[in-house]
Protein backbone atom coordinates (compact mmCIF):
# COMPACT_ATOMS: atom_id res chain seq x y z
CA MET A 1 9.30 14.18 13.78
CA THR A 2 8.80 11.09 11.65
CA ARG A 3 5.06 10.73 10.38
CA ARG A 4 4.72 6.81 10.98
CA LEU A 5 1.92 5.17 8.40
CA SER A 6 1.89 1.86 10.02
CA ASP A 7 4.05 0.03 12.86
CA HIS A 8 7.18 -0.24 10.76
CA PHE A 9 6.97 1.82 8.15
CA THR A 10 7.46 5.77 7.52
CA LEU A 11 6.21 8.42 5.15
CA ALA A 12 9.83 9.27 4.58
CA GLU A 13 10.87 5.74 3.70
CA LEU A 14 7.82 5.53 1.41
CA THR A 15 8.51 8.48 -0.35
CA HIS A 16 12.15 8.79 -0.49
CA SER A 17 14.09 9.12 -3.89
CA ASN A 18 18.08 9.47 -4.01
CA THR A 19 17.23 10.57 -7.84
CA ALA A 20 14.84 13.20 -6.44
CA LEU A 21 17.69 14.42 -3.84
CA ARG A 22 20.37 14.60 -6.24
CA ARG A 23 17.98 16.02 -8.84
CA GLY A 24 16.62 18.73 -6.43
CA LEU A 25 12.96 17.02 -7.39
CA ASP A 26 10.07 17.36 -5.18
CA ASN A 27 8.30 14.08 -4.31
CA THR A 28 5.94 14.95 -2.06
CA PRO A 29 3.04 13.15 -2.16
CA PRO A 30 -0.66 14.76 -3.18
CA PRO A 31 -3.37 13.94 -0.30
CA GLU A 32 -5.02 11.18 -2.28
CA VAL A 33 -1.71 9.46 -2.85
CA LEU A 34 -1.01 9.85 0.71
CA ASP A 35 -4.45 8.10 1.58
CA GLN A 36 -3.24 5.28 -0.62
CA LEU A 37 0.41 5.11 0.93
CA ILE A 38 -1.24 4.80 4.54
CA LEU A 39 -3.19 1.44 3.00
CA THR A 40 0.14 0.53 0.86
CA ALA A 41 1.97 0.63 4.32
CA ASP A 42 -0.74 -1.46 5.91
CA ARG A 43 -0.49 -4.04 3.15
CA MET A 44 3.59 -3.83 3.53
CA GLU A 45 3.08 -5.10 6.98
CA GLY A 46 1.12 -8.33 5.77
CA VAL A 47 4.49 -9.04 3.49
CA ARG A 48 6.35 -8.28 6.50
CA GLN A 49 4.59 -11.02 8.51
CA LEU A 50 4.83 -13.22 5.64
CA LEU A 51 8.59 -12.94 5.81
CA GLY A 52 8.74 -13.76 9.29
CA ASP A 53 8.33 -10.27 10.91
CA ARG A 54 11.70 -9.67 9.21
CA PRO A 55 12.79 -5.94 8.55
CA ILE A 56 12.26 -4.61 5.06
CA LYS A 57 14.39 -2.14 3.11
CA VAL A 58 12.44 -0.10 1.07
CA SER A 59 14.41 1.14 -1.98
CA SER A 60 11.48 2.97 -3.95
CA GLY A 61 8.10 3.79 -2.93
CA TYR A 62 5.74 6.86 -4.49
CA ARG A 63 7.12 8.72 -7.18
CA SER A 64 6.30 11.95 -8.25
CA PRO A 65 5.73 12.37 -12.11
CA ALA A 66 9.25 14.28 -12.43
CA VAL A 67 10.86 11.51 -10.40
CA ASN A 68 8.96 9.14 -12.36
CA ARG A 69 10.49 10.27 -15.55
CA ALA A 70 13.80 11.11 -14.10
CA VAL A 71 14.32 7.27 -13.20
CA GLY A 72 12.80 5.77 -16.52
CA GLY A 73 9.97 4.55 -15.10
CA SER A 74 6.52 3.97 -16.91
CA ARG A 75 3.88 6.13 -17.43
CA THR A 76 1.36 3.78 -16.06
CA SER A 77 3.82 2.80 -13.12
CA ALA A 78 2.12 1.90 -9.57
CA HIS A 79 4.71 3.81 -7.90
CA ARG A 80 3.03 7.12 -9.47
CA THR A 81 -0.14 6.48 -7.14
CA GLY A 82 1.28 4.97 -4.14
CA HIS A 83 0.67 1.56 -4.75
CA ALA A 84 3.88 0.02 -5.38
CA VAL A 85 6.97 -0.85 -3.21
CA ASP A 86 10.11 -2.07 -4.54
CA PHE A 87 12.47 -3.37 -1.31
CA THR A 88 14.67 -6.36 -0.15
CA CYS A 89 14.50 -8.39 3.01
CA PRO A 90 18.04 -9.70 3.63
CA ASP A 91 17.16 -11.33 6.75
CA PHE A 92 14.84 -13.37 4.79
CA GLY A 93 17.14 -14.18 1.73
CA THR A 94 17.85 -13.13 -1.67
CA PRO A 95 15.30 -11.17 -3.98
CA ALA A 96 14.50 -14.40 -5.76
CA GLU A 97 13.91 -16.24 -2.27
CA VAL A 98 11.34 -13.43 -0.95
CA ALA A 99 9.53 -13.30 -4.41
CA ALA A 100 9.25 -16.62 -4.91
CA HIS A 101 8.06 -17.02 -1.10
CA LEU A 102 5.35 -14.10 -1.20
CA ALA A 103 4.27 -15.63 -4.99
CA LYS A 104 3.21 -18.76 -3.08
CA HIS A 105 1.77 -17.25 0.22
CA LEU A 106 0.36 -13.79 -0.43
CA THR A 107 -3.12 -13.75 -2.09
CA ASP A 108 -3.88 -9.94 -2.56
CA PHE A 109 -1.50 -8.30 -5.20
CA ASP A 110 -1.55 -7.10 -8.47
CA GLN A 111 2.24 -7.40 -9.56
CA LEU A 112 5.08 -9.36 -8.07
CA ILE A 113 8.33 -8.98 -9.73
CA GLU A 114 12.14 -9.79 -8.79
CA GLU A 115 13.65 -7.07 -10.91
CA PHE A 116 17.56 -7.89 -11.79
CA GLY A 117 18.31 -10.07 -9.08
CA GLY A 118 18.53 -6.79 -6.92
CA TRP A 119 14.99 -6.16 -5.37
CA VAL A 120 11.12 -7.02 -5.40
CA HIS A 121 8.84 -5.14 -6.47
CA ILE A 122 5.10 -5.51 -5.29
CA GLY A 123 2.05 -3.62 -6.72
CA PHE A 124 -1.04 -3.30 -4.90
CA GLY A 125 -2.83 -1.83 -7.63
CA PRO A 126 -6.30 -2.14 -8.26
CA GLY A 127 -5.91 -4.82 -10.83
CA LYS A 128 -5.54 -7.48 -8.58
CA ARG A 129 -4.03 -9.49 -11.66
CA ARG A 130 -1.77 -11.87 -9.28
CA GLN A 131 0.93 -11.22 -11.81
CA VAL A 132 4.26 -12.91 -11.08
CA LEU A 133 7.30 -12.06 -13.15
CA THR A 134 11.02 -11.59 -13.52
CA ALA A 135 12.66 -8.67 -15.11
CA ARG A 136 16.42 -8.86 -16.39
CA LYS A 137 18.03 -6.53 -19.11
CA VAL A 138 18.33 -8.38 -22.50
CA GLY A 139 20.12 -6.29 -25.23
CA GLY A 140 19.62 -3.12 -23.08
CA ARG A 141 15.86 -3.90 -22.94
CA THR A 142 14.23 -4.81 -20.01
CA LYS A 143 12.48 -8.32 -20.40
CA TYR A 144 9.89 -10.18 -18.10
CA THR A 145 9.44 -13.65 -18.15
CA PRO A 146 6.70 -15.15 -16.26
CA GLY A 147 7.33 -16.70 -12.81
CA ILE A 148 10.56 -16.23 -10.52
CA LYS A 149 13.58 -17.40 -12.10
CA GLY A 150 15.75 -16.70 -9.34
């Protein structure tokens, strides 16, 4: 049976990792992260409502330290603590359109990043910086610029 964390989000989707499956890495969250994932799932329900109650496709949620290293994530990534979700909402629009809409209407978040034209990263970390960024590869490195560039 699939463990439901909220009306529309399951533990399986917030911990799924193709990299973990390919490399045989454990991506099971510890109890304190599981508690945070429940809160994050609840926050994602609010995101879904702001997007017209359209389905959200999660591409990355929790990442164990081993999975985070394998994907080249930051050592301070909010994914490691269950505070971040990468997702798309194709029925709403492009990642840039989703991010721009959320930047305008969502009030309680730490980071909102439109990443590489492919997905939206949202972090609900304790910082509450309301940082809105666009990430692009420039010369093989990730460059972050303020705002949503589309």
